[in-house]
N, C-alpha and C. Protein backbone atom coordinates (compact mmCIF):
# COMPACT_ATOMS: atom_id res chain seq x y z
N MET A 1 113.54 -1.63 -109.97
CA MET A 1 114.46 -2.72 -109.74
C MET A 1 115.58 -2.75 -110.78
N SER A 2 115.49 -1.94 -111.83
CA SER A 2 116.48 -1.98 -112.90
C SER A 2 117.83 -1.44 -112.47
N SER A 3 117.93 -0.69 -111.37
CA SER A 3 119.22 -0.17 -110.93
C SER A 3 120.02 -1.20 -110.13
N LEU A 4 119.40 -2.30 -109.78
CA LEU A 4 120.10 -3.36 -109.05
C LEU A 4 120.96 -4.18 -110.01
N PRO A 5 122.08 -4.76 -109.53
CA PRO A 5 122.84 -5.69 -110.37
C PRO A 5 121.94 -6.85 -110.80
N SER A 6 122.28 -7.46 -111.90
CA SER A 6 121.43 -8.49 -112.52
C SER A 6 121.03 -9.61 -111.55
N ARG A 7 121.98 -10.14 -110.80
CA ARG A 7 121.67 -11.24 -109.86
C ARG A 7 120.71 -10.77 -108.78
N ASN A 8 120.95 -9.60 -108.21
CA ASN A 8 120.06 -9.07 -107.18
C ASN A 8 118.68 -8.77 -107.74
N ARG A 9 118.62 -8.31 -108.97
CA ARG A 9 117.33 -8.03 -109.62
C ARG A 9 116.55 -9.34 -109.78
N SER A 10 117.24 -10.40 -110.18
CA SER A 10 116.58 -11.71 -110.33
C SER A 10 116.05 -12.20 -109.00
N ILE A 11 116.83 -12.04 -107.94
CA ILE A 11 116.39 -12.47 -106.61
C ILE A 11 115.19 -11.63 -106.17
N ALA A 12 115.23 -10.33 -106.44
CA ALA A 12 114.11 -9.45 -106.07
C ALA A 12 112.83 -9.89 -106.79
N TRP A 13 112.93 -10.17 -108.10
CA TRP A 13 111.75 -10.62 -108.84
C TRP A 13 111.23 -11.95 -108.29
N LEU A 14 112.15 -12.85 -107.96
CA LEU A 14 111.75 -14.13 -107.40
C LEU A 14 111.00 -13.95 -106.09
N LEU A 15 111.48 -13.05 -105.24
CA LEU A 15 110.80 -12.78 -103.96
C LEU A 15 109.40 -12.19 -104.19
N VAL A 16 109.28 -11.32 -105.17
CA VAL A 16 107.97 -10.74 -105.49
C VAL A 16 107.01 -11.84 -105.96
N VAL A 17 107.50 -12.73 -106.83
CA VAL A 17 106.67 -13.84 -107.32
C VAL A 17 106.26 -14.75 -106.16
N LEU A 18 107.20 -15.07 -105.28
CA LEU A 18 106.88 -15.92 -104.12
C LEU A 18 105.84 -15.26 -103.22
N PHE A 19 105.97 -13.96 -103.02
CA PHE A 19 104.97 -13.23 -102.24
C PHE A 19 103.61 -13.33 -102.91
N TRP A 20 103.57 -13.14 -104.23
CA TRP A 20 102.28 -13.18 -104.94
C TRP A 20 101.69 -14.59 -104.89
N LEU A 21 102.53 -15.61 -105.01
CA LEU A 21 102.05 -16.99 -104.89
C LEU A 21 101.47 -17.24 -103.50
N SER A 22 102.07 -16.64 -102.49
CA SER A 22 101.53 -16.76 -101.13
C SER A 22 100.14 -16.14 -101.04
N LEU A 23 99.96 -14.99 -101.69
CA LEU A 23 98.62 -14.37 -101.71
C LEU A 23 97.60 -15.28 -102.39
N ILE A 24 98.02 -15.90 -103.49
CA ILE A 24 97.12 -16.80 -104.21
C ILE A 24 96.78 -18.01 -103.34
N ALA A 25 97.78 -18.58 -102.68
CA ALA A 25 97.52 -19.72 -101.79
C ALA A 25 96.58 -19.31 -100.66
N LEU A 26 96.83 -18.16 -100.07
CA LEU A 26 95.97 -17.66 -99.00
C LEU A 26 94.54 -17.44 -99.50
N SER A 27 94.41 -17.00 -100.75
CA SER A 27 93.07 -16.75 -101.29
C SER A 27 92.26 -18.04 -101.47
N SER A 28 92.94 -19.17 -101.40
CA SER A 28 92.25 -20.46 -101.55
C SER A 28 91.70 -20.99 -100.23
N THR A 29 92.03 -20.35 -99.13
CA THR A 29 91.63 -20.85 -97.81
C THR A 29 90.22 -20.40 -97.44
N GLY A 30 89.66 -21.08 -96.46
CA GLY A 30 88.34 -20.69 -95.95
C GLY A 30 88.37 -19.33 -95.29
N TRP A 31 89.48 -19.02 -94.63
CA TRP A 31 89.62 -17.72 -93.99
C TRP A 31 89.51 -16.60 -95.01
N ALA A 32 90.17 -16.78 -96.17
CA ALA A 32 90.14 -15.75 -97.21
C ALA A 32 88.73 -15.58 -97.76
N GLY A 33 88.00 -16.67 -97.88
CA GLY A 33 86.62 -16.57 -98.35
C GLY A 33 85.78 -15.75 -97.39
N HIS A 34 85.95 -15.99 -96.10
CA HIS A 34 85.23 -15.22 -95.08
C HIS A 34 85.63 -13.76 -95.13
N TRP A 35 86.94 -13.50 -95.20
CA TRP A 35 87.45 -12.13 -95.25
C TRP A 35 86.94 -11.40 -96.50
N ALA A 36 86.95 -12.10 -97.64
CA ALA A 36 86.50 -11.49 -98.90
C ALA A 36 85.02 -11.11 -98.82
N ASP A 37 84.21 -11.98 -98.21
CA ASP A 37 82.79 -11.66 -98.05
C ASP A 37 82.60 -10.42 -97.18
N ALA A 38 83.38 -10.33 -96.10
CA ALA A 38 83.28 -9.16 -95.22
C ALA A 38 83.75 -7.90 -95.94
N ALA A 39 84.83 -8.01 -96.73
CA ALA A 39 85.33 -6.86 -97.48
C ALA A 39 84.31 -6.42 -98.53
N PHE A 40 83.68 -7.38 -99.20
CA PHE A 40 82.66 -7.05 -100.19
C PHE A 40 81.52 -6.28 -99.53
N GLU A 41 81.08 -6.76 -98.40
CA GLU A 41 79.97 -6.10 -97.70
C GLU A 41 80.36 -4.67 -97.30
N THR A 42 81.57 -4.50 -96.79
CA THR A 42 82.02 -3.19 -96.32
C THR A 42 82.26 -2.22 -97.48
N LEU A 43 82.91 -2.70 -98.53
CA LEU A 43 83.32 -1.82 -99.63
C LEU A 43 82.24 -1.61 -100.70
N ILE A 44 81.38 -2.60 -100.87
CA ILE A 44 80.39 -2.51 -101.95
C ILE A 44 78.96 -2.64 -101.43
N GLY A 45 78.73 -3.63 -100.60
CA GLY A 45 77.37 -3.90 -100.13
C GLY A 45 76.70 -2.75 -99.42
N LYS A 46 77.35 -2.26 -98.37
CA LYS A 46 76.76 -1.16 -97.59
C LYS A 46 76.73 0.15 -98.36
N PRO A 47 77.86 0.60 -98.95
CA PRO A 47 77.83 1.90 -99.63
C PRO A 47 76.82 1.97 -100.79
N PHE A 48 76.60 0.86 -101.45
CA PHE A 48 75.70 0.85 -102.60
C PHE A 48 74.33 0.26 -102.27
N HIS A 49 74.08 0.05 -100.99
CA HIS A 49 72.78 -0.44 -100.50
C HIS A 49 72.33 -1.70 -101.24
N LEU A 50 73.23 -2.66 -101.35
CA LEU A 50 72.92 -3.89 -102.08
C LEU A 50 71.91 -4.77 -101.34
N ARG A 51 71.76 -4.56 -100.05
CA ARG A 51 70.78 -5.37 -99.30
C ARG A 51 69.36 -5.13 -99.80
N SER A 52 69.14 -3.97 -100.41
CA SER A 52 67.80 -3.66 -100.91
C SER A 52 67.52 -4.34 -102.25
N LEU A 53 68.54 -4.96 -102.85
CA LEU A 53 68.35 -5.66 -104.13
C LEU A 53 67.74 -7.03 -103.90
N GLU A 54 67.15 -7.55 -104.96
CA GLU A 54 66.69 -8.94 -104.93
C GLU A 54 67.90 -9.84 -104.68
N PRO A 55 67.73 -10.93 -103.94
CA PRO A 55 68.87 -11.80 -103.62
C PRO A 55 69.65 -12.28 -104.84
N GLU A 56 68.95 -12.59 -105.93
CA GLU A 56 69.67 -13.09 -107.11
C GLU A 56 70.53 -11.99 -107.74
N ASN A 57 70.06 -10.74 -107.70
CA ASN A 57 70.86 -9.63 -108.23
C ASN A 57 72.07 -9.34 -107.34
N ARG A 58 71.85 -9.40 -106.03
CA ARG A 58 72.95 -9.21 -105.09
C ARG A 58 73.99 -10.31 -105.28
N SER A 59 73.53 -11.54 -105.44
CA SER A 59 74.44 -12.67 -105.66
C SER A 59 75.23 -12.51 -106.95
N LEU A 60 74.59 -12.00 -107.98
CA LEU A 60 75.27 -11.79 -109.26
C LEU A 60 76.40 -10.76 -109.11
N ILE A 61 76.12 -9.67 -108.42
CA ILE A 61 77.15 -8.63 -108.21
C ILE A 61 78.30 -9.21 -107.38
N HIS A 62 77.98 -9.98 -106.36
CA HIS A 62 79.01 -10.62 -105.54
C HIS A 62 79.85 -11.57 -106.38
N PHE A 63 79.20 -12.36 -107.22
CA PHE A 63 79.87 -13.31 -108.09
C PHE A 63 80.84 -12.59 -109.03
N ILE A 64 80.39 -11.51 -109.65
CA ILE A 64 81.24 -10.75 -110.58
C ILE A 64 82.44 -10.17 -109.84
N ALA A 65 82.22 -9.63 -108.66
CA ALA A 65 83.33 -9.08 -107.87
C ALA A 65 84.34 -10.17 -107.51
N GLU A 66 83.84 -11.32 -107.09
CA GLU A 66 84.71 -12.43 -106.71
C GLU A 66 85.55 -12.91 -107.89
N LYS A 67 84.94 -13.03 -109.04
CA LYS A 67 85.67 -13.52 -110.22
C LYS A 67 86.67 -12.49 -110.73
N ASN A 68 86.38 -11.21 -110.50
CA ASN A 68 87.35 -10.17 -110.87
C ASN A 68 88.59 -10.24 -109.99
N VAL A 69 88.43 -10.69 -108.76
CA VAL A 69 89.60 -10.88 -107.89
C VAL A 69 90.49 -11.98 -108.49
N HIS A 70 89.89 -13.08 -108.93
CA HIS A 70 90.65 -14.15 -109.60
C HIS A 70 91.41 -13.57 -110.79
N LEU A 71 90.70 -12.84 -111.61
CA LEU A 71 91.30 -12.28 -112.82
C LEU A 71 92.47 -11.37 -112.47
N PHE A 72 92.29 -10.51 -111.48
CA PHE A 72 93.36 -9.60 -111.05
C PHE A 72 94.57 -10.37 -110.54
N LEU A 73 94.36 -11.32 -109.63
CA LEU A 73 95.47 -12.08 -109.06
C LEU A 73 96.29 -12.77 -110.15
N TYR A 74 95.61 -13.37 -111.11
CA TYR A 74 96.31 -14.14 -112.13
C TYR A 74 96.85 -13.27 -113.26
N THR A 75 96.28 -12.11 -113.50
CA THR A 75 96.87 -11.19 -114.48
C THR A 75 98.22 -10.70 -113.95
N ILE A 76 98.25 -10.34 -112.67
CA ILE A 76 99.51 -9.92 -112.07
C ILE A 76 100.51 -11.07 -112.06
N LEU A 77 100.05 -12.28 -111.72
CA LEU A 77 100.95 -13.44 -111.74
C LEU A 77 101.51 -13.67 -113.13
N GLY A 78 100.68 -13.56 -114.15
CA GLY A 78 101.16 -13.74 -115.53
C GLY A 78 102.25 -12.74 -115.87
N ALA A 79 102.05 -11.50 -115.49
CA ALA A 79 103.05 -10.46 -115.75
C ALA A 79 104.34 -10.72 -114.96
N LEU A 80 104.20 -11.14 -113.71
CA LEU A 80 105.38 -11.44 -112.89
C LEU A 80 106.17 -12.62 -113.45
N LEU A 81 105.46 -13.67 -113.83
CA LEU A 81 106.14 -14.84 -114.41
C LEU A 81 106.83 -14.47 -115.71
N TYR A 82 106.16 -13.65 -116.52
CA TYR A 82 106.74 -13.21 -117.78
C TYR A 82 108.05 -12.46 -117.52
N SER A 83 108.07 -11.65 -116.48
CA SER A 83 109.28 -10.91 -116.13
C SER A 83 110.37 -11.82 -115.60
N ILE A 84 110.01 -12.76 -114.75
CA ILE A 84 111.02 -13.60 -114.10
C ILE A 84 111.64 -14.60 -115.08
N PHE A 85 110.87 -15.01 -116.09
CA PHE A 85 111.42 -15.97 -117.05
C PHE A 85 112.31 -15.29 -118.09
N GLY A 86 112.35 -13.96 -118.08
CA GLY A 86 113.29 -13.20 -118.90
C GLY A 86 113.38 -13.63 -120.34
N ALA A 87 114.58 -13.87 -120.79
CA ALA A 87 114.83 -14.15 -122.21
C ALA A 87 114.80 -15.64 -122.52
N MET A 88 114.18 -16.43 -121.68
CA MET A 88 114.10 -17.88 -121.94
C MET A 88 113.36 -18.15 -123.24
N GLY A 89 113.77 -19.18 -123.93
CA GLY A 89 113.06 -19.58 -125.14
C GLY A 89 111.66 -20.05 -124.79
N HIS A 90 110.74 -19.82 -125.68
CA HIS A 90 109.33 -20.21 -125.48
C HIS A 90 108.76 -19.64 -124.18
N ARG A 91 109.13 -18.43 -123.87
CA ARG A 91 108.72 -17.80 -122.60
C ARG A 91 107.21 -17.76 -122.45
N THR A 92 106.49 -17.38 -123.51
CA THR A 92 105.03 -17.29 -123.41
C THR A 92 104.43 -18.65 -123.07
N SER A 93 104.86 -19.69 -123.76
CA SER A 93 104.34 -21.04 -123.48
C SER A 93 104.68 -21.48 -122.06
N LEU A 94 105.89 -21.15 -121.64
CA LEU A 94 106.32 -21.51 -120.29
C LEU A 94 105.46 -20.82 -119.24
N VAL A 95 105.23 -19.52 -119.43
CA VAL A 95 104.40 -18.77 -118.47
C VAL A 95 102.98 -19.32 -118.46
N LEU A 96 102.43 -19.57 -119.64
CA LEU A 96 101.06 -20.11 -119.69
C LEU A 96 100.98 -21.48 -119.02
N GLY A 97 101.99 -22.31 -119.22
CA GLY A 97 102.00 -23.64 -118.61
C GLY A 97 102.15 -23.59 -117.10
N VAL A 98 103.13 -22.83 -116.63
CA VAL A 98 103.36 -22.73 -115.18
C VAL A 98 102.17 -22.02 -114.52
N GLY A 99 101.70 -20.94 -115.12
CA GLY A 99 100.57 -20.20 -114.56
C GLY A 99 99.31 -21.05 -114.49
N SER A 100 99.08 -21.84 -115.54
CA SER A 100 97.91 -22.73 -115.56
C SER A 100 98.02 -23.78 -114.46
N ALA A 101 99.22 -24.33 -114.29
CA ALA A 101 99.43 -25.33 -113.22
C ALA A 101 99.16 -24.71 -111.85
N ILE A 102 99.61 -23.49 -111.65
CA ILE A 102 99.36 -22.81 -110.38
C ILE A 102 97.86 -22.58 -110.19
N GLY A 103 97.17 -22.16 -111.27
CA GLY A 103 95.72 -21.94 -111.20
C GLY A 103 94.96 -23.21 -110.86
N ILE A 104 95.39 -24.33 -111.43
CA ILE A 104 94.75 -25.62 -111.13
C ILE A 104 95.03 -26.01 -109.68
N CYS A 105 96.29 -25.88 -109.25
CA CYS A 105 96.65 -26.24 -107.87
C CYS A 105 95.90 -25.39 -106.84
N SER A 106 95.71 -24.11 -107.15
CA SER A 106 94.99 -23.27 -106.18
C SER A 106 93.54 -23.71 -106.05
N GLU A 107 92.96 -24.17 -107.14
CA GLU A 107 91.58 -24.68 -107.06
C GLU A 107 91.55 -26.00 -106.30
N LEU A 108 92.53 -26.87 -106.53
CA LEU A 108 92.58 -28.14 -105.80
C LEU A 108 92.81 -27.91 -104.31
N LEU A 109 93.60 -26.88 -103.97
CA LEU A 109 93.85 -26.54 -102.58
C LEU A 109 92.54 -26.21 -101.86
N GLN A 110 91.60 -25.64 -102.57
CA GLN A 110 90.31 -25.28 -101.97
C GLN A 110 89.55 -26.50 -101.46
N MET A 111 89.87 -27.68 -102.00
CA MET A 111 89.19 -28.90 -101.56
C MET A 111 89.48 -29.20 -100.09
N LEU A 112 90.56 -28.64 -99.56
CA LEU A 112 90.94 -28.89 -98.17
C LEU A 112 90.16 -28.03 -97.19
N PHE A 113 89.39 -27.06 -97.68
CA PHE A 113 88.71 -26.12 -96.82
C PHE A 113 87.20 -26.20 -97.00
N PRO A 114 86.48 -26.43 -95.89
CA PRO A 114 85.03 -26.41 -95.99
C PRO A 114 84.58 -25.02 -96.45
N LYS A 115 83.48 -24.95 -97.10
CA LYS A 115 82.89 -23.71 -97.60
C LYS A 115 83.64 -23.11 -98.78
N ARG A 116 84.63 -23.82 -99.31
CA ARG A 116 85.31 -23.37 -100.53
C ARG A 116 84.87 -24.32 -101.64
N ASP A 117 84.74 -23.80 -102.84
CA ASP A 117 84.23 -24.61 -103.94
C ASP A 117 85.12 -24.50 -105.17
N PRO A 118 86.05 -25.46 -105.33
CA PRO A 118 86.89 -25.44 -106.52
C PRO A 118 86.02 -25.67 -107.76
N SER A 119 86.39 -25.01 -108.86
CA SER A 119 85.59 -25.20 -110.07
C SER A 119 86.44 -25.04 -111.32
N LEU A 120 86.00 -25.71 -112.37
CA LEU A 120 86.65 -25.60 -113.67
C LEU A 120 86.52 -24.17 -114.19
N ARG A 121 85.39 -23.54 -113.91
CA ARG A 121 85.18 -22.15 -114.33
C ARG A 121 86.27 -21.25 -113.76
N ASP A 122 86.61 -21.44 -112.49
CA ASP A 122 87.65 -20.62 -111.87
C ASP A 122 89.02 -20.91 -112.48
N VAL A 123 89.29 -22.17 -112.81
CA VAL A 123 90.55 -22.51 -113.49
C VAL A 123 90.63 -21.75 -114.81
N LEU A 124 89.54 -21.71 -115.56
CA LEU A 124 89.52 -20.99 -116.84
C LEU A 124 89.71 -19.49 -116.64
N ILE A 125 89.13 -18.93 -115.58
CA ILE A 125 89.32 -17.52 -115.27
C ILE A 125 90.79 -17.28 -114.90
N ASN A 126 91.38 -18.18 -114.13
CA ASN A 126 92.79 -18.06 -113.75
C ASN A 126 93.69 -18.06 -114.99
N ILE A 127 93.44 -18.99 -115.90
CA ILE A 127 94.23 -19.08 -117.13
C ILE A 127 94.04 -17.84 -117.99
N THR A 128 92.83 -17.33 -118.04
CA THR A 128 92.57 -16.09 -118.77
C THR A 128 93.39 -14.95 -118.18
N GLY A 129 93.45 -14.88 -116.86
CA GLY A 129 94.26 -13.86 -116.20
C GLY A 129 95.73 -13.99 -116.55
N ILE A 130 96.24 -15.22 -116.57
CA ILE A 130 97.64 -15.45 -116.94
C ILE A 130 97.88 -14.93 -118.36
N ALA A 131 96.98 -15.28 -119.27
CA ALA A 131 97.11 -14.83 -120.67
C ALA A 131 97.06 -13.29 -120.76
N LEU A 132 96.18 -12.67 -119.98
CA LEU A 132 96.11 -11.20 -119.96
C LEU A 132 97.42 -10.61 -119.45
N GLY A 133 97.98 -11.20 -118.41
CA GLY A 133 99.26 -10.72 -117.87
C GLY A 133 100.38 -10.81 -118.89
N VAL A 134 100.41 -11.91 -119.63
CA VAL A 134 101.41 -12.07 -120.68
C VAL A 134 101.18 -11.02 -121.77
N GLY A 135 99.93 -10.87 -122.19
CA GLY A 135 99.61 -9.89 -123.24
C GLY A 135 99.97 -8.47 -122.83
N LEU A 136 99.63 -8.10 -121.60
CA LEU A 136 99.98 -6.76 -121.11
C LEU A 136 101.50 -6.58 -121.03
N SER A 137 102.20 -7.60 -120.58
CA SER A 137 103.66 -7.52 -120.49
C SER A 137 104.28 -7.33 -121.87
N LYS A 138 103.78 -8.08 -122.84
CA LYS A 138 104.30 -7.94 -124.21
C LYS A 138 103.99 -6.56 -124.78
N ALA A 139 102.79 -6.06 -124.51
CA ALA A 139 102.42 -4.75 -125.02
C ALA A 139 103.29 -3.66 -124.39
N ILE A 140 103.52 -3.76 -123.10
CA ILE A 140 104.37 -2.77 -122.42
C ILE A 140 105.80 -2.87 -122.93
N ALA A 141 106.32 -4.09 -123.07
CA ALA A 141 107.69 -4.27 -123.55
C ALA A 141 107.84 -3.72 -124.97
N SER A 142 106.83 -3.93 -125.78
CA SER A 142 106.86 -3.42 -127.16
C SER A 142 106.84 -1.90 -127.18
N THR A 143 106.03 -1.30 -126.32
CA THR A 143 105.93 0.15 -126.25
C THR A 143 107.25 0.75 -125.76
N VAL A 144 107.83 0.16 -124.73
CA VAL A 144 109.09 0.66 -124.18
C VAL A 144 110.21 0.49 -125.20
N LYS A 145 110.21 -0.63 -125.90
CA LYS A 145 111.24 -0.93 -126.88
C LYS A 145 111.23 0.07 -128.03
N HIS A 146 110.05 0.53 -128.43
CA HIS A 146 109.91 1.42 -129.58
C HIS A 146 109.81 2.90 -129.21
N LYS A 147 109.96 3.22 -127.94
CA LYS A 147 109.86 4.60 -127.50
C LYS A 147 111.15 5.35 -127.83
N PRO A 148 111.08 6.49 -128.50
CA PRO A 148 112.31 7.27 -128.78
C PRO A 148 112.97 7.74 -127.49
N LEU A 149 114.29 7.82 -127.50
CA LEU A 149 115.02 8.23 -126.31
C LEU A 149 114.77 9.69 -125.95
N ASN A 150 114.59 10.55 -126.92
CA ASN A 150 114.42 11.98 -126.66
C ASN A 150 112.97 12.42 -126.69
N SER A 151 112.05 11.55 -126.24
CA SER A 151 110.63 11.95 -126.26
C SER A 151 110.35 12.91 -125.12
N SER A 152 109.52 13.92 -125.39
CA SER A 152 109.16 14.90 -124.37
C SER A 152 107.71 14.86 -124.09
């Protein structure tokens, strides 16, 4: 996106963030919960014969997979917000605040869907993902900033 003029680049980043927010909102619905369970069974359950495990062990693996999806979604969101807020003052605080608000709202949205269970634990996982996204963005920016031009 760096070859685009500045205004177009900003619009492109905004569209990417809006798309990602749509994914997060969709992930809060009952339909997404059903789809995620089916995907887990297809991608992990059957190939690794998880049905042969004790129910509590199978549930633990499912739980870990589900929470990693939260972490992934919000790590990417943190990085996207960090990019879109550009050179704004207090960018890290702003990203953490906005990202946390989005994480809380996505959990509250789950209250509208039967079979979904909003939880404080998930809010904390969402915020952790936002912080990871910010940290990764800063690390990448620092690496790119200090990279010599003539590196081979």
